Amino acid sequence: MSERLLELRFREQVGLPPKASARLLRLWQALRLLARRRPGARVAIECGFYDQAHLARDCKALTGRRPSWFARADRAVRQHVEHFGFVQDWLVGVDDHDEGG
């Protein structure tokens, strides 16, 4: 199977290309750790981001929120991040926390 065909099959089955899927899974793992109050720099390295700024950029791009929002989120948000993977489905219904800018 060629690389192109593998990518097409992956996209058919998952709905996203492999690179985008990996990006979302890496962010999901980071959000789970942030929701457990782990330090952002450590989370970034453990989850395969180049640095904390890389984590912050992906988090903002994919969720519309900064990592600090997840780190100080209330219990309901922490439980949701822990048990459900992708955050965009539920961010709309979550009470806003002050982003600080």
PDB file of N, CA and C in Angstrom:
ATOM      1  N   MET A   1       0.848  -1.166   0.000  1.00  0.00           N
ATOM      2  CA  MET A   1       0.000   0.000   0.000  1.00  0.00           C
ATOM      3  C   MET A   1       0.901   1.239   0.000  1.00  0.00           C
ATOM      4  N   SER A   2       0.585   2.164  -0.836  1.00  0.00           N
ATOM      5  CA  SER A   2       1.373   3.395  -0.915  1.00  0.00           C
ATOM      6  C   SER A   2       1.033   4.308   0.266  1.00  0.00           C
ATOM      7  N   GLU A   3       1.915   5.260   0.508  1.00  0.00           N
ATOM      8  CA  GLU A   3       1.679   6.229   1.583  1.00  0.00           C
ATOM      9  C   GLU A   3       0.402   7.014   1.322  1.00  0.00           C
ATOM     10  N   ARG A   4       0.204   7.395   0.090  1.00  0.00           N
ATOM     11  CA  ARG A   4      -0.987   8.166  -0.285  1.00  0.00           C
ATOM     12  C   ARG A   4      -2.265   7.359  -0.040  1.00  0.00           C
ATOM     13  N   LEU A   5      -2.259   6.105  -0.426  1.00  0.00           N
ATOM     14  CA  LEU A   5      -3.434   5.256  -0.226  1.00  0.00           C
ATOM     15  C   LEU A   5      -3.692   5.041   1.272  1.00  0.00           C
ATOM     16  N   LEU A   6      -2.637   4.850   2.025  1.00  0.00           N
ATOM     17  CA  LEU A   6      -2.778   4.695   3.472  1.00  0.00           C
ATOM     18  C   LEU A   6      -3.414   5.954   4.081  1.00  0.00           C
ATOM     19  N   GLU A   7      -2.944   7.120   3.661  1.00  0.00           N
ATOM     20  CA  GLU A   7      -3.526   8.365   4.157  1.00  0.00           C
ATOM     21  C   GLU A   7      -5.002   8.488   3.778  1.00  0.00           C
ATOM     22  N   LEU A   8      -5.344   8.121   2.552  1.00  0.00           N
ATOM     23  CA  LEU A   8      -6.740   8.168   2.121  1.00  0.00           C
ATOM     24  C   LEU A   8      -7.613   7.232   2.944  1.00  0.00           C
ATOM     25  N   ARG A   9      -7.149   6.018   3.157  1.00  0.00           N
ATOM     26  CA  ARG A   9      -7.905   5.044   3.959  1.00  0.00           C
ATOM     27  C   ARG A   9      -8.055   5.518   5.405  1.00  0.00           C
ATOM     28  N   PHE A  10      -6.995   6.070   5.946  1.00  0.00           N
ATOM     29  CA  PHE A  10      -7.042   6.597   7.305  1.00  0.00           C
ATOM     30  C   PHE A  10      -8.099   7.700   7.394  1.00  0.00           C
ATOM     31  N   ARG A  11      -8.059   8.608   6.441  1.00  0.00           N
ATOM     32  CA  ARG A  11      -9.012   9.721   6.438  1.00  0.00           C
ATOM     33  C   ARG A  11     -10.443   9.215   6.274  1.00  0.00           C
ATOM     34  N   GLU A  12     -10.667   8.216   5.447  1.00  0.00           N
ATOM     35  CA  GLU A  12     -12.007   7.643   5.273  1.00  0.00           C
ATOM     36  C   GLU A  12     -12.528   7.073   6.583  1.00  0.00           C
ATOM     37  N   GLN A  13     -11.681   6.387   7.319  1.00  0.00           N
ATOM     38  CA  GLN A  13     -12.087   5.718   8.548  1.00  0.00           C
ATOM     39  C   GLN A  13     -12.198   6.670   9.743  1.00  0.00           C
ATOM     40  N   VAL A  14     -11.282   7.607   9.846  1.00  0.00           N
ATOM     41  CA  VAL A  14     -11.209   8.477  11.018  1.00  0.00           C
ATOM     42  C   VAL A  14     -11.888   9.821  10.788  1.00  0.00           C
ATOM     43  N   GLY A  15     -11.873  10.288   9.553  1.00  0.00           N
ATOM     44  CA  GLY A  15     -12.471  11.574   9.245  1.00  0.00           C
ATOM     45  C   GLY A  15     -11.477  12.717   9.218  1.00  0.00           C
ATOM     46  N   LEU A  16     -10.237  12.430   9.558  1.00  0.00           N
ATOM     47  CA  LEU A  16      -9.161  13.412   9.548  1.00  0.00           C
ATOM     48  C   LEU A  16      -7.912  12.762   9.007  1.00  0.00           C
ATOM     49  N   PRO A  17      -7.003  13.549   8.465  1.00  0.00           N
ATOM     50  CA  PRO A  17      -5.725  12.965   8.052  1.00  0.00           C
ATOM     51  C   PRO A  17      -4.898  12.569   9.277  1.00  0.00           C
ATOM     52  N   PRO A  18      -3.931  11.691   9.101  1.00  0.00           N
ATOM     53  CA  PRO A  18      -3.133  11.206  10.229  1.00  0.00           C
ATOM     54  C   PRO A  18      -2.467  12.319  11.042  1.00  0.00           C
ATOM     55  N   LYS A  19      -1.916  13.308  10.379  1.00  0.00           N
ATOM     56  CA  LYS A  19      -1.229  14.381  11.102  1.00  0.00           C
ATOM     57  C   LYS A  19      -2.191  15.165  11.993  1.00  0.00           C
ATOM     58  N   ALA A  20      -3.359  15.482  11.481  1.00  0.00           N
ATOM     59  CA  ALA A  20      -4.357  16.204  12.281  1.00  0.00           C
ATOM     60  C   ALA A  20      -4.840  15.349  13.444  1.00  0.00           C
ATOM     61  N   SER A  21      -5.012  14.064  13.207  1.00  0.00           N
ATOM     62  CA  SER A  21      -5.426  13.153  14.281  1.00  0.00           C
ATOM     63  C   SER A  21      -4.382  13.102  15.386  1.00  0.00           C
ATOM     64  N   ALA A  22      -3.130  13.016  14.999  1.00  0.00           N
ATOM     65  CA  ALA A  22      -2.050  12.991  15.983  1.00  0.00           C
ATOM     66  C   ALA A  22      -2.017  14.296  16.775  1.00  0.00           C
ATOM     67  N   ARG A  23      -2.238  15.397  16.095  1.00  0.00           N
ATOM     68  CA  ARG A  23      -2.252  16.708  16.763  1.00  0.00           C
ATOM     69  C   ARG A  23      -3.365  16.773  17.809  1.00  0.00           C
ATOM     70  N   LEU A  24      -4.560  16.295  17.450  1.00  0.00           N
ATOM     71  CA  LEU A  24      -5.674  16.303  18.392  1.00  0.00           C
ATOM     72  C   LEU A  24      -5.433  15.364  19.568  1.00  0.00           C
ATOM     73  N   LEU A  25      -4.897  14.187  19.303  1.00  0.00           N
ATOM     74  CA  LEU A  25      -4.631  13.239  20.382  1.00  0.00           C
ATOM     75  C   LEU A  25      -3.566  13.768  21.340  1.00  0.00           C
ATOM     76  N   ARG A  26      -2.550  14.410  20.792  1.00  0.00           N
ATOM     77  CA  ARG A  26      -1.500  14.988  21.634  1.00  0.00           C
ATOM     78  C   ARG A  26      -2.097  16.095  22.514  1.00  0.00           C
ATOM     79  N   LEU A  27      -2.954  16.926  21.932  1.00  0.00           N
ATOM     80  CA  LEU A  27      -3.576  17.991  22.711  1.00  0.00           C
ATOM     81  C   LEU A  27      -4.510  17.409  23.765  1.00  0.00           C
ATOM     82  N   TRP A  28      -5.273  16.397  23.415  1.00  0.00           N
ATOM     83  CA  TRP A  28      -6.182  15.774  24.381  1.00  0.00           C
ATOM     84  C   TRP A  28      -5.411  15.269  25.592  1.00  0.00           C
ATOM     85  N   GLN A  29      -4.296  14.602  25.365  1.00  0.00           N
ATOM     86  CA  GLN A  29      -3.488  14.113  26.475  1.00  0.00           C
ATOM     87  C   GLN A  29      -2.983  15.286  27.310  1.00  0.00           C
ATOM     88  N   ALA A  30      -2.567  16.352  26.661  1.00  0.00           N
ATOM     89  CA  ALA A  30      -2.085  17.530  27.393  1.00  0.00           C
ATOM     90  C   ALA A  30      -3.203  18.138  28.235  1.00  0.00           C
ATOM     91  N   LEU A  31      -4.397  18.230  27.692  1.00  0.00           N
ATOM     92  CA  LEU A  31      -5.510  18.796  28.450  1.00  0.00           C
ATOM     93  C   LEU A  31      -5.854  17.937  29.655  1.00  0.00           C
ATOM     94  N   ARG A  32      -5.776  16.641  29.495  1.00  0.00           N
ATOM     95  CA  ARG A  32      -6.023  15.741  30.631  1.00  0.00           C
ATOM     96  C   ARG A  32      -5.025  16.013  31.753  1.00  0.00           C
ATOM     97  N   LEU A  33      -3.765  16.190  31.402  1.00  0.00           N
ATOM     98  CA  LEU A  33      -2.747  16.452  32.411  1.00  0.00           C
ATOM     99  C   LEU A  33      -2.903  17.844  33.018  1.00  0.00           C
ATOM    100  N   LEU A  34      -3.238  18.824  32.194  1.00  0.00           N
ATOM    101  CA  LEU A  34      -3.466  20.178  32.712  1.00  0.00           C
ATOM    102  C   LEU A  34      -4.647  20.203  33.673  1.00  0.00           C
ATOM    103  N   ALA A  35      -5.701  19.470  33.331  1.00  0.00           N
ATOM    104  CA  ALA A  35      -6.876  19.406  34.199  1.00  0.00           C
ATOM    105  C   ALA A  35      -6.556  18.740  35.534  1.00  0.00           C
ATOM    106  N   ARG A  36      -5.484  17.963  35.565  1.00  0.00           N
ATOM    107  CA  ARG A  36      -5.024  17.343  36.819  1.00  0.00           C
ATOM    108  C   ARG A  36      -4.030  18.245  37.547  1.00  0.00           C
ATOM    109  N   ARG A  37      -3.932  19.480  37.071  1.00  0.00           N
ATOM    110  CA  ARG A  37      -3.083  20.498  37.707  1.00  0.00           C
ATOM    111  C   ARG A  37      -1.585  20.249  37.541  1.00  0.00           C
ATOM    112  N   ARG A  38      -1.210  19.605  36.449  1.00  0.00           N
ATOM    113  CA  ARG A  38       0.221  19.409  36.167  1.00  0.00           C
ATOM    114  C   ARG A  38       0.794  20.688  35.577  1.00  0.00           C
ATOM    115  N   PRO A  39       2.062  21.015  35.850  1.00  0.00           N
ATOM    116  CA  PRO A  39       2.686  22.231  35.305  1.00  0.00           C
ATOM    117  C   PRO A  39       2.737  22.210  33.779  1.00  0.00           C
ATOM    118  N   GLY A  40       2.420  23.350  33.162  1.00  0.00           N
ATOM    119  CA  GLY A  40       2.325  23.451  31.708  1.00  0.00           C
ATOM    120  C   GLY A  40       3.595  23.086  30.969  1.00  0.00           C
ATOM    121  N   ALA A  41       4.744  23.507  31.461  1.00  0.00           N
ATOM    122  CA  ALA A  41       5.999  23.192  30.774  1.00  0.00           C
ATOM    123  C   ALA A  41       6.258  21.693  30.785  1.00  0.00           C
ATOM    124  N   ARG A  42       5.982  21.066  31.897  1.00  0.00           N
ATOM    125  CA  ARG A  42       6.181  19.618  31.999  1.00  0.00           C
ATOM    126  C   ARG A  42       5.199  18.867  31.087  1.00  0.00           C
ATOM    127  N   VAL A  43       3.959  19.322  31.078  1.00  0.00           N
ATOM    128  CA  VAL A  43       2.933  18.717  30.214  1.00  0.00           C
ATOM    129  C   VAL A  43       3.357  18.815  28.752  1.00  0.00           C
ATOM    130  N   ALA A  44       3.844  19.971  28.354  1.00  0.00           N
ATOM    131  CA  ALA A  44       4.255  20.176  26.966  1.00  0.00           C
ATOM    132  C   ALA A  44       5.310  19.158  26.556  1.00  0.00           C
ATOM    133  N   ILE A  45       6.320  18.994  27.366  1.00  0.00           N
ATOM    134  CA  ILE A  45       7.394  18.050  27.042  1.00  0.00           C
ATOM    135  C   ILE A  45       6.890  16.609  27.054  1.00  0.00           C
ATOM    136  N   GLU A  46       6.114  16.246  28.068  1.00  0.00           N
ATOM    137  CA  GLU A  46       5.610  14.866  28.181  1.00  0.00           C
ATOM    138  C   GLU A  46       4.702  14.479  27.019  1.00  0.00           C
ATOM    139  N   CYS A  47       4.024  15.459  26.445  1.00  0.00           N
ATOM    140  CA  CYS A  47       3.062  15.168  25.378  1.00  0.00           C
ATOM    141  C   CYS A  47       3.626  15.371  23.979  1.00  0.00           C
ATOM    142  N   GLY A  48       4.900  15.701  23.882  1.00  0.00           N
ATOM    143  CA  GLY A  48       5.532  15.774  22.574  1.00  0.00           C
ATOM    144  C   GLY A  48       5.488  17.119  21.888  1.00  0.00           C
ATOM    145  N   PHE A  49       5.151  18.169  22.616  1.00  0.00           N
ATOM    146  CA  PHE A  49       5.216  19.505  22.046  1.00  0.00           C
ATOM    147  C   PHE A  49       6.663  19.975  22.114  1.00  0.00           C
ATOM    148  N   TYR A  50       7.035  20.855  21.215  1.00  0.00           N
ATOM    149  CA  TYR A  50       8.410  21.356  21.197  1.00  0.00           C
ATOM    150  C   TYR A  50       8.727  22.113  22.486  1.00  0.00           C
ATOM    151  N   ASP A  51       7.765  22.936  22.915  1.00  0.00           N
ATOM    152  CA  ASP A  51       7.924  23.693  24.155  1.00  0.00           C
ATOM    153  C   ASP A  51       6.536  24.134  24.618  1.00  0.00           C
ATOM    154  N   GLN A  52       6.500  24.867  25.716  1.00  0.00           N
ATOM    155  CA  GLN A  52       5.228  25.307  26.270  1.00  0.00           C
ATOM    156  C   GLN A  52       4.487  26.248  25.325  1.00  0.00           C
ATOM    157  N   ALA A  53       5.209  27.067  24.595  1.00  0.00           N
ATOM    158  CA  ALA A  53       4.581  27.982  23.637  1.00  0.00           C
ATOM    159  C   ALA A  53       3.872  27.206  22.523  1.00  0.00           C
ATOM    160  N   HIS A  54       4.467  26.100  22.092  1.00  0.00           N
ATOM    161  CA  HIS A  54       3.851  25.242  21.075  1.00  0.00           C
ATOM    162  C   HIS A  54       2.532  24.675  21.598  1.00  0.00           C
ATOM    163  N   LEU A  55       2.541  24.199  22.838  1.00  0.00           N
ATOM    164  CA  LEU A  55       1.311  23.716  23.468  1.00  0.00           C
ATOM    165  C   LEU A  55       0.270  24.830  23.513  1.00  0.00           C
ATOM    166  N   ALA A  56       0.675  26.014  23.927  1.00  0.00           N
ATOM    167  CA  ALA A  56      -0.261  27.137  24.031  1.00  0.00           C
ATOM    168  C   ALA A  56      -0.877  27.486  22.674  1.00  0.00           C
ATOM    169  N   ARG A  57      -0.055  27.497  21.631  1.00  0.00           N
ATOM    170  CA  ARG A  57      -0.571  27.813  20.285  1.00  0.00           C
ATOM    171  C   ARG A  57      -1.580  26.770  19.818  1.00  0.00           C
ATOM    172  N   ASP A  58      -1.240  25.482  19.966  1.00  0.00           N
ATOM    173  CA  ASP A  58      -2.171  24.435  19.538  1.00  0.00           C
ATOM    174  C   ASP A  58      -3.451  24.465  20.359  1.00  0.00           C
ATOM    175  N   CYS A  59      -3.322  24.675  21.649  1.00  0.00           N
ATOM    176  CA  CYS A  59      -4.495  24.713  22.518  1.00  0.00           C
ATOM    177  C   CYS A  59      -5.433  25.841  22.093  1.00  0.00           C
ATOM    178  N   LYS A  60      -4.884  27.014  21.884  1.00  0.00           N
ATOM    179  CA  LYS A  60      -5.697  28.166  21.480  1.00  0.00           C
ATOM    180  C   LYS A  60      -6.311  27.939  20.093  1.00  0.00           C
ATOM    181  N   ALA A  61      -5.528  27.381  19.188  1.00  0.00           N
ATOM    182  CA  ALA A  61      -6.020  27.151  17.824  1.00  0.00           C
ATOM    183  C   ALA A  61      -7.129  26.102  17.784  1.00  0.00           C
ATOM    184  N   LEU A  62      -7.015  25.061  18.584  1.00  0.00           N
ATOM    185  CA  LEU A  62      -7.957  23.949  18.501  1.00  0.00           C
ATOM    186  C   LEU A  62      -9.141  24.056  19.456  1.00  0.00           C
ATOM    187  N   THR A  63      -8.992  24.808  20.526  1.00  0.00           N
ATOM    188  CA  THR A  63     -10.084  24.908  21.496  1.00  0.00           C
ATOM    189  C   THR A  63     -10.604  26.321  21.669  1.00  0.00           C
ATOM    190  N   GLY A  64      -9.806  27.305  21.234  1.00  0.00           N
ATOM    191  CA  GLY A  64     -10.195  28.686  21.451  1.00  0.00           C
ATOM    192  C   GLY A  64      -9.856  29.180  22.849  1.00  0.00           C
ATOM    193  N   ARG A  65      -9.175  28.344  23.621  1.00  0.00           N
ATOM    194  CA  ARG A  65      -8.832  28.677  25.007  1.00  0.00           C
ATOM    195  C   ARG A  65      -7.358  28.428  25.254  1.00  0.00           C
ATOM    196  N   ARG A  66      -6.829  29.131  26.244  1.00  0.00           N
ATOM    197  CA  ARG A  66      -5.435  28.946  26.633  1.00  0.00           C
ATOM    198  C   ARG A  66      -5.306  27.755  27.570  1.00  0.00           C
ATOM    199  N   PRO A  67      -4.128  27.155  27.635  1.00  0.00           N
ATOM    200  CA  PRO A  67      -3.922  26.038  28.560  1.00  0.00           C
ATOM    201  C   PRO A  67      -4.245  26.397  30.009  1.00  0.00           C
ATOM    202  N   SER A  68      -3.990  27.622  30.401  1.00  0.00           N
ATOM    203  CA  SER A  68      -4.269  28.039  31.781  1.00  0.00           C
ATOM    204  C   SER A  68      -5.751  27.911  32.121  1.00  0.00           C
ATOM    205  N   TRP A  69      -6.619  28.060  31.126  1.00  0.00           N
ATOM    206  CA  TRP A  69      -8.054  27.903  31.369  1.00  0.00           C
ATOM    207  C   TRP A  69      -8.356  26.482  31.830  1.00  0.00           C
ATOM    208  N   PHE A  70      -7.745  25.513  31.178  1.00  0.00           N
ATOM    209  CA  PHE A  70      -7.964  24.123  31.550  1.00  0.00           C
ATOM    210  C   PHE A  70      -7.316  23.799  32.892  1.00  0.00           C
ATOM    211  N   ALA A  71      -6.190  24.431  33.161  1.00  0.00           N
ATOM    212  CA  ALA A  71      -5.481  24.175  34.409  1.00  0.00           C
ATOM    213  C   ALA A  71      -6.275  24.658  35.617  1.00  0.00           C
ATOM    214  N   ARG A  72      -7.060  25.713  35.444  1.00  0.00           N
ATOM    215  CA  ARG A  72      -7.820  26.218  36.591  1.00  0.00           C
ATOM    216  C   ARG A  72      -9.325  25.985  36.442  1.00  0.00           C
ATOM    217  N   ALA A  73      -9.673  25.111  35.548  1.00  0.00           N
ATOM    218  CA  ALA A  73     -11.090  24.825  35.296  1.00  0.00           C
ATOM    219  C   ALA A  73     -11.732  24.156  36.514  1.00  0.00           C
ATOM    220  N   ASP A  74     -13.033  24.265  36.571  1.00  0.00           N
ATOM    221  CA  ASP A  74     -13.751  23.658  37.684  1.00  0.00           C
ATOM    222  C   ASP A  74     -13.861  22.142  37.512  1.00  0.00           C
ATOM    223  N   ARG A  75     -14.416  21.511  38.503  1.00  0.00           N
ATOM    224  CA  ARG A  75     -14.487  20.045  38.553  1.00  0.00           C
ATOM    225  C   ARG A  75     -15.219  19.452  37.346  1.00  0.00           C
ATOM    226  N   ALA A  76     -16.314  20.054  36.933  1.00  0.00           N
ATOM    227  CA  ALA A  76     -17.090  19.520  35.803  1.00  0.00           C
ATOM    228  C   ALA A  76     -16.252  19.493  34.533  1.00  0.00           C
ATOM    229  N   VAL A  77     -15.496  20.552  34.283  1.00  0.00           N
ATOM    230  CA  VAL A  77     -14.647  20.601  33.094  1.00  0.00           C
ATOM    231  C   VAL A  77     -13.549  19.544  33.203  1.00  0.00           C
ATOM    232  N   ARG A  78     -12.920  19.446  34.365  1.00  0.00           N
ATOM    233  CA  ARG A  78     -11.849  18.457  34.546  1.00  0.00           C
ATOM    234  C   ARG A  78     -12.364  17.043  34.298  1.00  0.00           C
ATOM    235  N   GLN A  79     -13.546  16.727  34.812  1.00  0.00           N
ATOM    236  CA  GLN A  79     -14.108  15.394  34.601  1.00  0.00           C
ATOM    237  C   GLN A  79     -14.413  15.159  33.130  1.00  0.00           C
ATOM    238  N   HIS A  80     -14.911  16.173  32.461  1.00  0.00           N
ATOM    239  CA  HIS A  80     -15.238  16.015  31.047  1.00  0.00           C
ATOM    240  C   HIS A  80     -13.983  15.773  30.213  1.00  0.00           C
ATOM    241  N   VAL A  81     -12.949  16.551  30.484  1.00  0.00           N
ATOM    242  CA  VAL A  81     -11.692  16.363  29.751  1.00  0.00           C
ATOM    243  C   VAL A  81     -11.151  14.969  30.009  1.00  0.00           C
ATOM    244  N   GLU A  82     -11.284  14.496  31.215  1.00  0.00           N
ATOM    245  CA  GLU A  82     -10.774  13.178  31.580  1.00  0.00           C
ATOM    246  C   GLU A  82     -11.506  12.056  30.842  1.00  0.00           C
ATOM    247  N   HIS A  83     -12.810  12.173  30.702  1.00  0.00           N
ATOM    248  CA  HIS A  83     -13.607  11.069  30.171  1.00  0.00           C
ATOM    249  C   HIS A  83     -13.978  11.189  28.704  1.00  0.00           C
ATOM    250  N   PHE A  84     -13.892  12.371  28.153  1.00  0.00           N
ATOM    251  CA  PHE A  84     -14.215  12.567  26.748  1.00  0.00           C
ATOM    252  C   PHE A  84     -13.008  13.180  26.082  1.00  0.00           C
ATOM    253  N   GLY A  85     -12.740  12.771  24.887  1.00  0.00           N
ATOM    254  CA  GLY A  85     -11.536  13.249  24.265  1.00  0.00           C
ATOM    255  C   GLY A  85     -11.594  14.644  23.704  1.00  0.00           C
ATOM    256  N   PHE A  86     -12.466  14.872  22.803  1.00  0.00           N
ATOM    257  CA  PHE A  86     -12.368  16.085  22.019  1.00  0.00           C
ATOM    258  C   PHE A  86     -13.216  17.190  22.623  1.00  0.00           C
ATOM    259  N   VAL A  87     -12.613  18.319  22.769  1.00  0.00           N
ATOM    260  CA  VAL A  87     -13.169  19.385  23.582  1.00  0.00           C
ATOM    261  C   VAL A  87     -14.130  20.294  22.852  1.00  0.00           C
ATOM    262  N   GLN A  88     -14.068  20.385  21.555  1.00  0.00           N
ATOM    263  CA  GLN A  88     -14.881  21.365  20.850  1.00  0.00           C
ATOM    264  C   GLN A  88     -16.366  21.072  20.977  1.00  0.00           C
ATOM    265  N   ASP A  89     -16.749  19.828  21.191  1.00  0.00           N
ATOM    266  CA  ASP A  89     -18.156  19.488  21.320  1.00  0.00           C
ATOM    267  C   ASP A  89     -18.779  20.093  22.574  1.00  0.00           C
ATOM    268  N   TRP A  90     -18.007  20.275  23.617  1.00  0.00           N
ATOM    269  CA  TRP A  90     -18.596  20.705  24.874  1.00  0.00           C
ATOM    270  C   TRP A  90     -18.159  22.081  25.329  1.00  0.00           C
ATOM    271  N   LEU A  91     -17.179  22.690  24.683  1.00  0.00           N
ATOM    272  CA  LEU A  91     -16.725  24.017  25.118  1.00  0.00           C
ATOM    273  C   LEU A  91     -17.839  25.052  25.064  1.00  0.00           C
ATOM    274  N   VAL A  92     -18.725  24.908  24.116  1.00  0.00           N
ATOM    275  CA  VAL A  92     -19.798  25.881  23.956  1.00  0.00           C
ATOM    276  C   VAL A  92     -20.680  25.906  25.201  1.00  0.00           C
ATOM    277  N   GLY A  93     -20.917  24.756  25.812  1.00  0.00           N
ATOM    278  CA  GLY A  93     -21.816  24.681  26.953  1.00  0.00           C
ATOM    279  C   GLY A  93     -21.164  24.910  28.303  1.00  0.00           C
ATOM    280  N   VAL A  94     -19.871  25.105  28.339  1.00  0.00           N
ATOM    281  CA  VAL A  94     -19.167  25.267  29.599  1.00  0.00           C
ATOM    282  C   VAL A  94     -19.166  26.732  29.995  1.00  0.00           C
ATOM    283  N   ASP A  95     -19.405  26.994  31.275  1.00  0.00           N
ATOM    284  CA  ASP A  95     -19.339  28.375  31.771  1.00  0.00           C
ATOM    285  C   ASP A  95     -17.968  28.951  31.504  1.00  0.00           C
ATOM    286  N   ASP A  96     -17.928  30.201  31.121  1.00  0.00           N
ATOM    287  CA  ASP A  96     -16.663  30.867  30.837  1.00  0.00           C
ATOM    288  C   ASP A  96     -15.876  31.117  32.102  1.00  0.00           C
ATOM    289  N   HIS A  97     -14.593  30.866  31.995  1.00  0.00           N
ATOM    290  CA  HIS A  97     -13.644  31.263  33.034  1.00  0.00           C
ATOM    291  C   HIS A  97     -12.899  32.458  32.478  1.00  0.00           C
ATOM    292  N   ASP A  98     -12.528  33.363  33.334  1.00  0.00           N
ATOM    293  CA  ASP A  98     -11.797  34.550  32.881  1.00  0.00           C
ATOM    294  C   ASP A  98     -10.488  34.136  32.245  1.00  0.00           C
ATOM    295  N   GLU A  99     -10.276  34.532  31.015  1.00  0.00           N
ATOM    296  CA  GLU A  99      -9.055  34.211  30.289  1.00  0.00           C
ATOM    297  C   GLU A  99      -7.922  35.165  30.645  1.00  0.00           C
ATOM    298  N   GLY A 100      -8.221  36.279  31.243  1.00  0.00           N
ATOM    299  CA  GLY A 100      -7.185  37.231  31.579  1.00  0.00           C
ATOM    300  C   GLY A 100      -6.610  37.943  30.375  1.00  0.00           C
ATOM    301  N   GLY A 101      -7.413  38.096  29.337  1.00  0.00           N
ATOM    302  CA  GLY A 101      -6.937  38.856  28.186  1.00  0.00           C
ATOM    303  C   GLY A 101      -7.091  38.187  26.897  1.00  0.00           C
TER     304      GLY A 101
END
